[in-house]
């Protein structure tokens, strides 16, 4: 087994349970190590630390597969896939959940989402790519899906020296898959939709909005294919307006509304949410509940300041459009905006909007996206539910 030794002191990250080792933390690499291959990692004092796969092209040069000195083979992969599925069997609808969440399931850089009878797979690192046939076999054995579709059309793969690709890995996959989330039917475009086609991480948060939308007028900004908007309608909102900048997303959302018989109360507007919030705020438009679920405003630490301004602006505008007693449901999926920092943004927006907030809940991603306490990067989603006070 090829051997890599770390710089003195850099073993602390591995010993703490973090699953990444950066290229700058490596002291030496034994000759003959193959990019993407499994290596044994040692401290500067010769202590075995972990088994990991290695890619010298990536800043995250080592991704930990096991803290034990054990073979990383087909039996290992099957065991890890089984453990991931078994965990979700305890609480999840296996036809509507994230089945494998990368490092949190000790299968680094691997994402598998389940929609109806279809699985969608993303593999974002060179080392994991070599195990893809084994992963597909293990998923088929565990879940017996109708089909498995590959969505490896992610630019980050180029940083790993991988090509972007999509296609069928197993069985048959239609262009659109129907699934049920919290009793609501959704069509999912697994082949062309954003990421894997649908954002499953908000499933539990969408269920949590029920008490705050019933009988109310609701504005859902950045609605994508209507997930929060349809939940609001399903939970008894009197009128729901979903807003998205994409014509395609709005048309898809309208199809989902019709699928659930909600077209009379849930409708969609194609607009820039920033512009709409700004204009309606100036015009004095009011809603009883406003939902903000934007895409990530930053994907690197270098643009956190700009993202902070964007989050503050939309929250400030929304607060001005809510009456006393109204509810703000506000989210951020930006990994580099930490939970405490997002709460500070909301607090600052409330101060500038001259409103007092009452925090009802402060939530994160669902249990099918588990968090490693040793790796803060695995907790990326923030969802706050607040009430405007007199």
Protein backbone atom coordinates (compact mmCIF):
# COMPACT_ATOMS: atom_id res chain seq x y z
CA UNK A 1 0.00 0.00 0.00
CA UNK A 2 1.39 3.43 -0.99
CA UNK A 3 2.28 5.73 1.86
CA UNK A 4 1.87 9.48 2.44
CA UNK A 5 3.33 11.31 5.42
CA UNK A 6 1.97 14.57 6.81
CA UNK A 7 3.82 17.65 8.04
CA UNK A 8 4.33 17.66 11.83
CA UNK A 9 1.16 18.81 13.61
CA UNK A 10 -1.13 18.34 10.60
CA UNK A 11 -2.30 14.98 11.91
CA UNK A 12 -4.52 16.84 14.38
CA UNK A 13 -7.19 17.43 11.72
CA UNK A 14 -7.45 13.71 10.95
CA UNK A 15 -7.39 12.73 14.61
CA UNK A 16 -10.24 15.19 15.29
CA UNK A 17 -12.39 13.35 12.76
CA UNK A 18 -12.21 15.78 9.83
CA UNK A 19 -12.35 13.85 6.54
CA UNK A 20 -10.08 16.16 4.46
CA UNK A 21 -6.33 16.67 4.26
CA UNK A 22 -5.09 19.58 2.17
CA UNK A 23 -2.24 19.36 -0.32
CA UNK A 24 -0.24 21.87 1.74
CA UNK A 25 -0.39 19.51 4.76
CA UNK A 26 1.57 16.73 3.02
CA UNK A 27 5.26 16.27 3.76
CA UNK A 28 6.07 13.38 1.43
CA UNK A 29 4.47 11.05 -1.09
CA UNK A 30 5.95 7.64 -1.75
CA UNK A 31 7.00 6.96 -5.31
CA UNK A 32 4.47 5.19 -7.48
CA UNK A 33 1.34 6.67 -5.92
CA UNK A 34 -1.35 6.79 -8.58
CA UNK A 35 -3.69 9.83 -8.68
CA UNK A 36 -7.06 8.63 -7.41
CA UNK A 37 -5.52 5.64 -5.71
CA UNK A 38 -5.94 4.52 -2.11
CA UNK A 39 -3.04 5.36 0.21
CA UNK A 40 -2.11 4.86 3.84
CA UNK A 41 -1.62 8.16 5.65
CA UNK A 42 0.87 8.54 8.49
CA UNK A 43 1.87 11.25 10.91
CA UNK A 44 5.41 12.66 10.90
CA UNK A 45 6.18 10.28 13.79
CA UNK A 46 5.06 7.21 11.85
CA UNK A 47 1.61 6.79 13.41
CA UNK A 48 -1.02 5.31 11.11
CA UNK A 49 -3.87 7.82 10.67
CA UNK A 50 -6.23 6.66 7.95
CA UNK A 51 -6.84 5.17 4.54
CA UNK A 52 -7.69 7.83 1.96
CA UNK A 53 -7.79 8.41 -1.76
CA UNK A 54 -5.22 10.81 -3.15
CA UNK A 55 -5.40 13.41 -5.89
CA UNK A 56 -2.43 15.78 -6.30
CA UNK A 57 -4.49 18.01 -8.63
CA UNK A 58 -6.96 18.94 -5.90
CA UNK A 59 -6.44 21.27 -2.96
CA UNK A 60 -8.23 18.59 -0.95
CA UNK A 61 -5.51 16.09 -1.78
CA UNK A 62 -6.65 13.37 0.60
CA UNK A 63 -10.23 12.34 1.35
CA UNK A 64 -10.52 9.92 4.25
CA UNK A 65 -12.22 6.61 3.52
CA UNK A 66 -11.51 4.85 6.82
CA UNK A 67 -9.75 5.52 10.11
CA UNK A 68 -8.95 1.80 10.27
CA UNK A 69 -6.12 0.03 8.48
CA UNK A 70 -8.49 -2.10 6.40
CA UNK A 71 -8.89 -3.01 2.71
CA UNK A 72 -10.85 -0.46 0.66
CA UNK A 73 -12.44 -2.89 -1.75
CA UNK A 74 -15.86 -3.92 -3.10
CA UNK A 75 -16.92 -5.41 0.23
CA UNK A 76 -16.03 -2.12 1.93
CA UNK A 77 -18.09 -0.10 -0.59
CA UNK A 78 -21.09 -2.41 -0.27
CA UNK A 79 -20.93 -2.14 3.51
CA UNK A 80 -20.83 1.65 3.45
CA UNK A 81 -23.73 1.87 0.98
CA UNK A 82 -25.73 -0.55 3.13
CA UNK A 83 -25.04 1.52 6.26
CA UNK A 84 -26.17 4.72 4.52
CA UNK A 85 -29.42 3.14 3.35
CA UNK A 86 -30.05 1.41 6.70
CA UNK A 87 -29.71 4.76 8.51
CA UNK A 88 -32.39 6.31 6.29
CA UNK A 89 -34.72 3.34 6.66
CA UNK A 90 -35.15 4.38 10.31
CA UNK A 91 -36.94 7.66 9.46
CA UNK A 92 -37.10 8.53 5.76
CA UNK A 93 -39.34 7.89 2.78
CA UNK A 94 -36.76 6.11 0.63
CA UNK A 95 -38.52 7.35 -2.52
CA UNK A 96 -37.94 10.96 -1.54
CA UNK A 97 -34.63 11.54 0.22
CA UNK A 98 -30.88 11.95 -0.07
CA UNK A 99 -29.61 8.40 0.11
CA UNK A 100 -25.87 9.14 0.35
CA UNK A 101 -24.45 12.42 1.60
CA UNK A 102 -20.76 12.21 0.79
CA UNK A 103 -18.39 12.61 3.75
CA UNK A 104 -21.26 12.44 6.23
CA UNK A 105 -21.87 8.86 5.08
CA UNK A 106 -18.13 8.15 4.88
CA UNK A 107 -18.27 7.93 1.09
CA UNK A 108 -16.41 11.14 0.23
CA UNK A 109 -17.61 13.30 -2.67
CA UNK A 110 -20.49 10.93 -3.50
CA UNK A 111 -24.09 12.16 -3.67
CA UNK A 112 -27.07 9.90 -4.34
CA UNK A 113 -30.62 11.30 -4.36
CA UNK A 114 -33.80 9.23 -4.59
CA UNK A 115 -36.86 10.46 -6.52
CA UNK A 116 -39.71 7.98 -6.87
CA UNK A 117 -38.14 4.87 -8.36
CA UNK A 118 -35.09 6.67 -9.74
CA UNK A 119 -31.69 7.34 -8.18
CA UNK A 120 -29.50 10.25 -9.30
CA UNK A 121 -25.77 9.95 -8.69
CA UNK A 122 -23.06 12.60 -8.53
CA UNK A 123 -19.39 11.70 -8.07
CA UNK A 124 -17.22 14.76 -7.44
CA UNK A 125 -13.74 13.36 -6.83
CA UNK A 126 -11.28 11.28 -8.83
CA UNK A 127 -10.77 8.66 -6.14
CA UNK A 128 -14.47 7.92 -5.76
CA UNK A 129 -14.93 7.72 -9.54
CA UNK A 130 -12.97 4.47 -9.60
CA UNK A 131 -15.57 2.87 -7.32
CA UNK A 132 -18.58 3.96 -9.38
CA UNK A 133 -19.40 0.53 -10.88
CA UNK A 134 -19.29 -1.02 -7.38
CA UNK A 135 -21.49 1.77 -6.02
CA UNK A 136 -24.09 1.21 -8.75
CA UNK A 137 -24.13 -2.54 -8.06
CA UNK A 138 -24.52 -1.90 -4.32
CA UNK A 139 -27.39 0.55 -4.86
CA UNK A 140 -29.21 -1.89 -7.13
CA UNK A 141 -28.81 -4.65 -4.54
CA UNK A 142 -30.05 -2.44 -1.69
CA UNK A 143 -32.87 -0.50 -3.36
CA UNK A 144 -33.89 -2.23 -6.61
CA UNK A 145 -34.48 1.10 -8.42
CA UNK A 146 -36.13 1.46 -11.81
CA UNK A 147 -33.05 3.31 -12.97
CA UNK A 148 -29.92 5.22 -11.98
CA UNK A 149 -28.98 8.44 -13.77
CA UNK A 150 -25.56 10.10 -13.62
CA UNK A 151 -25.46 13.89 -13.16
CA UNK A 152 -21.73 14.46 -13.30
CA UNK A 153 -22.13 17.73 -15.20
CA UNK A 154 -20.60 19.72 -12.34
CA UNK A 155 -17.71 22.15 -13.03
CA UNK A 156 -15.94 21.14 -9.80
CA UNK A 157 -15.07 17.83 -11.48
CA UNK A 158 -12.61 19.69 -13.70
CA UNK A 159 -10.61 20.61 -10.59
CA UNK A 160 -10.26 16.86 -9.97
CA UNK A 161 -9.12 16.18 -13.55
CA UNK A 162 -12.48 14.62 -14.42
CA UNK A 163 -14.72 15.19 -17.43
CA UNK A 164 -18.28 16.40 -17.03
CA UNK A 165 -20.78 13.79 -18.12
CA UNK A 166 -24.39 12.67 -17.76
CA UNK A 167 -26.14 9.47 -18.71
CA UNK A 168 -27.81 6.21 -17.81
CA UNK A 169 -25.99 3.94 -15.37
CA UNK A 170 -28.72 1.35 -14.83
CA UNK A 171 -32.26 0.47 -15.90
CA UNK A 172 -34.51 3.10 -17.43
CA UNK A 173 -35.01 6.75 -16.45
CA UNK A 174 -37.77 8.99 -17.91
CA UNK A 175 -37.20 12.68 -18.61
CA UNK A 176 -39.44 13.53 -15.67
CA UNK A 177 -39.91 11.51 -12.52
CA UNK A 178 -42.85 11.89 -10.17
CA UNK A 179 -42.24 11.77 -6.44
CA UNK A 180 -44.23 12.63 -3.32
CA UNK A 181 -42.85 14.93 -0.60
CA UNK A 182 -44.88 15.57 2.55
CA UNK A 183 -48.02 14.43 0.72
CA UNK A 184 -47.44 16.72 -2.29
CA UNK A 185 -46.74 15.44 -5.78
CA UNK A 186 -43.76 16.84 -7.67
CA UNK A 187 -42.40 16.29 -11.13
CA UNK A 188 -38.60 16.21 -11.07
CA UNK A 189 -36.38 16.83 -14.09
CA UNK A 190 -33.52 14.54 -13.14
CA UNK A 191 -31.75 14.92 -16.49
CA UNK A 192 -31.69 18.71 -16.94
CA UNK A 193 -32.84 20.27 -13.66
CA UNK A 194 -30.56 22.09 -11.22
CA UNK A 195 -28.13 19.89 -9.29
CA UNK A 196 -29.85 16.48 -9.20
CA UNK A 197 -33.25 17.93 -10.14
CA UNK A 198 -34.78 18.88 -6.78
CA UNK A 199 -33.56 20.26 -3.45
CA UNK A 200 -34.31 17.54 -0.90
CA UNK A 201 -32.43 19.22 1.94
CA UNK A 202 -35.39 21.52 2.72
CA UNK A 203 -37.95 18.72 3.04
CA UNK A 204 -38.31 18.93 6.82
CA UNK A 205 -38.21 22.73 6.75
CA UNK A 206 -40.99 22.84 4.17
CA UNK A 207 -43.11 20.67 6.45
CA UNK A 208 -42.37 23.04 9.35
CA UNK A 209 -44.04 26.05 7.67
CA UNK A 210 -47.57 24.60 8.03
CA UNK A 211 -48.68 26.66 11.08
CA UNK A 212 -47.38 29.89 9.58
CA UNK A 213 -49.14 29.84 6.19
CA UNK A 214 -52.67 28.56 6.85
CA UNK A 215 -55.26 31.14 5.76
CA UNK A 216 -52.49 33.62 4.88
CA UNK A 217 -51.22 35.39 1.79
CA UNK A 218 -47.75 34.09 0.98
CA UNK A 219 -44.85 35.29 -1.17
CA UNK A 220 -42.25 32.64 -2.03
CA UNK A 221 -39.10 34.14 -3.55
CA UNK A 222 -36.61 32.03 -5.53
CA UNK A 223 -39.31 29.36 -5.81
CA UNK A 224 -37.45 27.20 -8.38
CA UNK A 225 -40.01 24.49 -9.27
CA UNK A 226 -42.45 25.60 -6.59
CA UNK A 227 -41.50 23.46 -3.60
CA UNK A 228 -42.17 25.96 -0.78
CA UNK A 229 -45.06 27.59 -2.69
CA UNK A 230 -46.86 24.28 -3.16
CA UNK A 231 -46.36 23.37 0.48
CA UNK A 232 -47.93 26.70 1.46
CA UNK A 233 -50.92 26.02 -0.79
CA UNK A 234 -51.20 22.44 0.46
CA UNK A 235 -51.16 23.67 4.07
CA UNK A 236 -54.06 26.03 3.45
CA UNK A 237 -52.65 29.41 2.40
CA UNK A 238 -55.35 31.64 0.92
CA UNK A 239 -53.13 32.91 -1.89
CA UNK A 240 -49.52 32.11 -2.86
CA UNK A 241 -47.25 33.93 -5.28
CA UNK A 242 -44.06 32.12 -6.28
CA UNK A 243 -41.28 34.16 -7.90
CA UNK A 244 -38.32 32.93 -9.93
CA UNK A 245 -36.10 34.54 -12.55
CA UNK A 246 -36.32 31.44 -14.80
CA UNK A 247 -39.22 31.08 -17.23
CA UNK A 248 -38.52 27.34 -17.32
CA UNK A 249 -38.69 27.06 -13.51
CA UNK A 250 -41.96 29.02 -13.34
CA UNK A 251 -43.56 26.90 -16.06
CA UNK A 252 -42.42 23.74 -14.29
CA UNK A 253 -43.75 25.05 -10.96
CA UNK A 254 -47.12 25.78 -12.57
CA UNK A 255 -47.25 22.17 -13.80
CA UNK A 256 -46.59 20.99 -10.25
CA UNK A 257 -49.38 23.24 -8.96
CA UNK A 258 -51.81 21.78 -11.50
CA UNK A 259 -50.68 18.26 -10.60
CA UNK A 260 -51.88 18.93 -7.04
CA UNK A 261 -55.06 20.85 -7.93
CA UNK A 262 -53.63 24.07 -6.48
CA UNK A 263 -53.63 26.32 -9.55
CA UNK A 264 -56.50 28.40 -8.16
CA UNK A 265 -54.46 29.52 -5.14
CA UNK A 266 -50.82 29.09 -6.17
CA UNK A 267 -49.49 31.07 -9.10
CA UNK A 268 -46.06 32.03 -10.37
CA UNK A 269 -44.38 35.19 -11.62
CA UNK A 270 -41.16 35.27 -13.63
CA UNK A 271 -39.11 38.12 -12.16
CA UNK A 272 -35.83 39.00 -10.49
CA UNK A 273 -36.65 38.54 -6.81
CA UNK A 274 -34.35 41.41 -5.78
CA UNK A 275 -36.14 43.78 -8.14
CA UNK A 276 -39.60 42.55 -7.15
CA UNK A 277 -38.91 42.88 -3.42
CA UNK A 278 -37.48 46.35 -3.93
CA UNK A 279 -40.41 47.57 -6.04
CA UNK A 280 -43.16 46.03 -3.92
CA UNK A 281 -41.51 47.27 -0.75
CA UNK A 282 -41.55 50.85 -2.12
CA UNK A 283 -45.15 50.38 -3.25
CA UNK A 284 -46.27 49.30 0.21
CA UNK A 285 -47.35 45.79 -0.84
CA UNK A 286 -47.95 43.50 2.13
CA UNK A 287 -48.00 39.72 2.61
CA UNK A 288 -48.81 37.71 5.73
CA UNK A 289 -45.85 35.36 5.23
CA UNK A 290 -42.73 35.72 3.08
CA UNK A 291 -40.39 32.85 2.23
CA UNK A 292 -36.82 33.51 1.05
CA UNK A 293 -34.95 30.45 -0.25
CA UNK A 294 -32.29 31.79 -2.62
CA UNK A 295 -29.49 29.84 -4.29
CA UNK A 296 -26.05 30.13 -2.71
CA UNK A 297 -24.86 33.74 -2.96
CA UNK A 298 -21.24 32.69 -2.41
CA UNK A 299 -19.22 29.58 -3.11
CA UNK A 300 -15.92 30.89 -1.75
CA UNK A 301 -14.68 32.84 1.26
CA UNK A 302 -13.51 35.66 -1.03
CA UNK A 303 -17.09 36.71 -1.85
CA UNK A 304 -18.66 36.38 1.61
CA UNK A 305 -18.91 40.17 2.06
CA UNK A 306 -20.86 40.57 -1.19
CA UNK A 307 -23.11 37.65 -0.29
CA UNK A 308 -23.75 39.14 3.15
CA UNK A 309 -25.00 42.35 1.52
CA UNK A 310 -27.31 40.35 -0.75
CA UNK A 311 -28.81 38.37 2.10
CA UNK A 312 -29.28 41.50 4.16
CA UNK A 313 -31.01 43.33 1.31
CA UNK A 314 -33.64 40.68 0.60
CA UNK A 315 -34.36 40.15 4.30
CA UNK A 316 -34.67 43.88 4.95
CA UNK A 317 -37.09 44.31 2.02
CA UNK A 318 -39.14 41.32 3.12
CA UNK A 319 -39.41 42.59 6.70
CA UNK A 320 -40.79 45.91 5.45
CA UNK A 321 -43.50 44.01 3.55
CA UNK A 322 -44.74 42.07 6.57
CA UNK A 323 -47.37 43.43 8.97
CA UNK A 324 -47.15 42.97 12.74
CA UNK A 325 -47.81 39.29 13.37
CA UNK A 326 -46.48 38.33 9.94
CA UNK A 327 -43.91 35.60 9.45
CA UNK A 328 -40.54 35.60 7.70
CA UNK A 329 -39.12 32.22 6.68
CA UNK A 330 -35.59 32.91 5.51
CA UNK A 331 -32.90 30.52 4.30
CA UNK A 332 -29.29 30.35 3.17
CA UNK A 333 -27.54 27.37 1.61
CA UNK A 334 -24.17 29.16 1.35
CA UNK A 335 -21.64 26.94 3.10
CA UNK A 336 -19.36 29.90 3.83
CA UNK A 337 -22.10 31.80 5.67
CA UNK A 338 -22.03 30.06 9.05
CA UNK A 339 -25.23 29.67 11.12
CA UNK A 340 -24.27 32.37 13.63
CA UNK A 341 -23.27 34.73 10.81
CA UNK A 342 -26.61 34.28 9.04
CA UNK A 343 -28.45 35.03 12.26
CA UNK A 344 -26.38 38.21 12.57
CA UNK A 345 -27.41 39.18 9.03
CA UNK A 346 -31.09 38.73 9.87
CA UNK A 347 -30.65 40.67 13.10
CA UNK A 348 -28.92 43.55 11.29
CA UNK A 349 -31.64 43.64 8.62
CA UNK A 350 -34.31 43.87 11.33
CA UNK A 351 -32.50 46.78 12.93
CA UNK A 352 -32.31 48.67 9.63
CA UNK A 353 -35.96 47.83 8.83
CA UNK A 354 -36.97 49.17 12.27
CA UNK A 355 -38.83 46.00 13.20
CA UNK A 356 -38.62 43.68 16.17
CA UNK A 357 -38.29 39.98 15.45
CA UNK A 358 -39.30 36.99 17.49
CA UNK A 359 -37.42 33.80 16.62
CA UNK A 360 -39.77 30.83 16.32
CA UNK A 361 -37.31 28.24 15.03
CA UNK A 362 -33.76 28.16 13.70
CA UNK A 363 -33.36 25.02 11.62
CA UNK A 364 -30.82 23.27 9.39
CA UNK A 365 -30.88 20.58 6.71
CA UNK A 366 -32.94 17.41 7.09
CA UNK A 367 -31.77 14.22 8.79
CA UNK A 368 -31.04 12.64 5.41
CA UNK A 369 -28.24 15.26 5.09
CA UNK A 370 -26.48 14.38 8.38
CA UNK A 371 -23.83 16.64 9.89
CA UNK A 372 -20.35 15.70 11.10
CA UNK A 373 -19.53 17.86 14.16
CA UNK A 374 -15.84 17.52 13.27
CA UNK A 375 -16.47 18.95 9.79
CA UNK A 376 -18.42 22.23 9.91
CA UNK A 377 -18.58 22.18 6.10
CA UNK A 378 -21.21 19.43 6.31
CA UNK A 379 -23.67 21.87 7.93
CA UNK A 380 -24.47 24.38 5.23
CA UNK A 381 -28.23 25.04 5.33
CA UNK A 382 -29.84 27.65 7.58
CA UNK A 383 -33.60 28.14 7.86
CA UNK A 384 -35.00 30.69 10.30
CA UNK A 385 -38.68 31.21 11.08
CA UNK A 386 -39.36 34.63 12.62
CA UNK A 387 -42.39 36.70 13.54
CA UNK A 388 -42.71 40.46 13.20
CA UNK A 389 -43.80 42.05 16.49
CA UNK A 390 -45.64 45.35 17.06
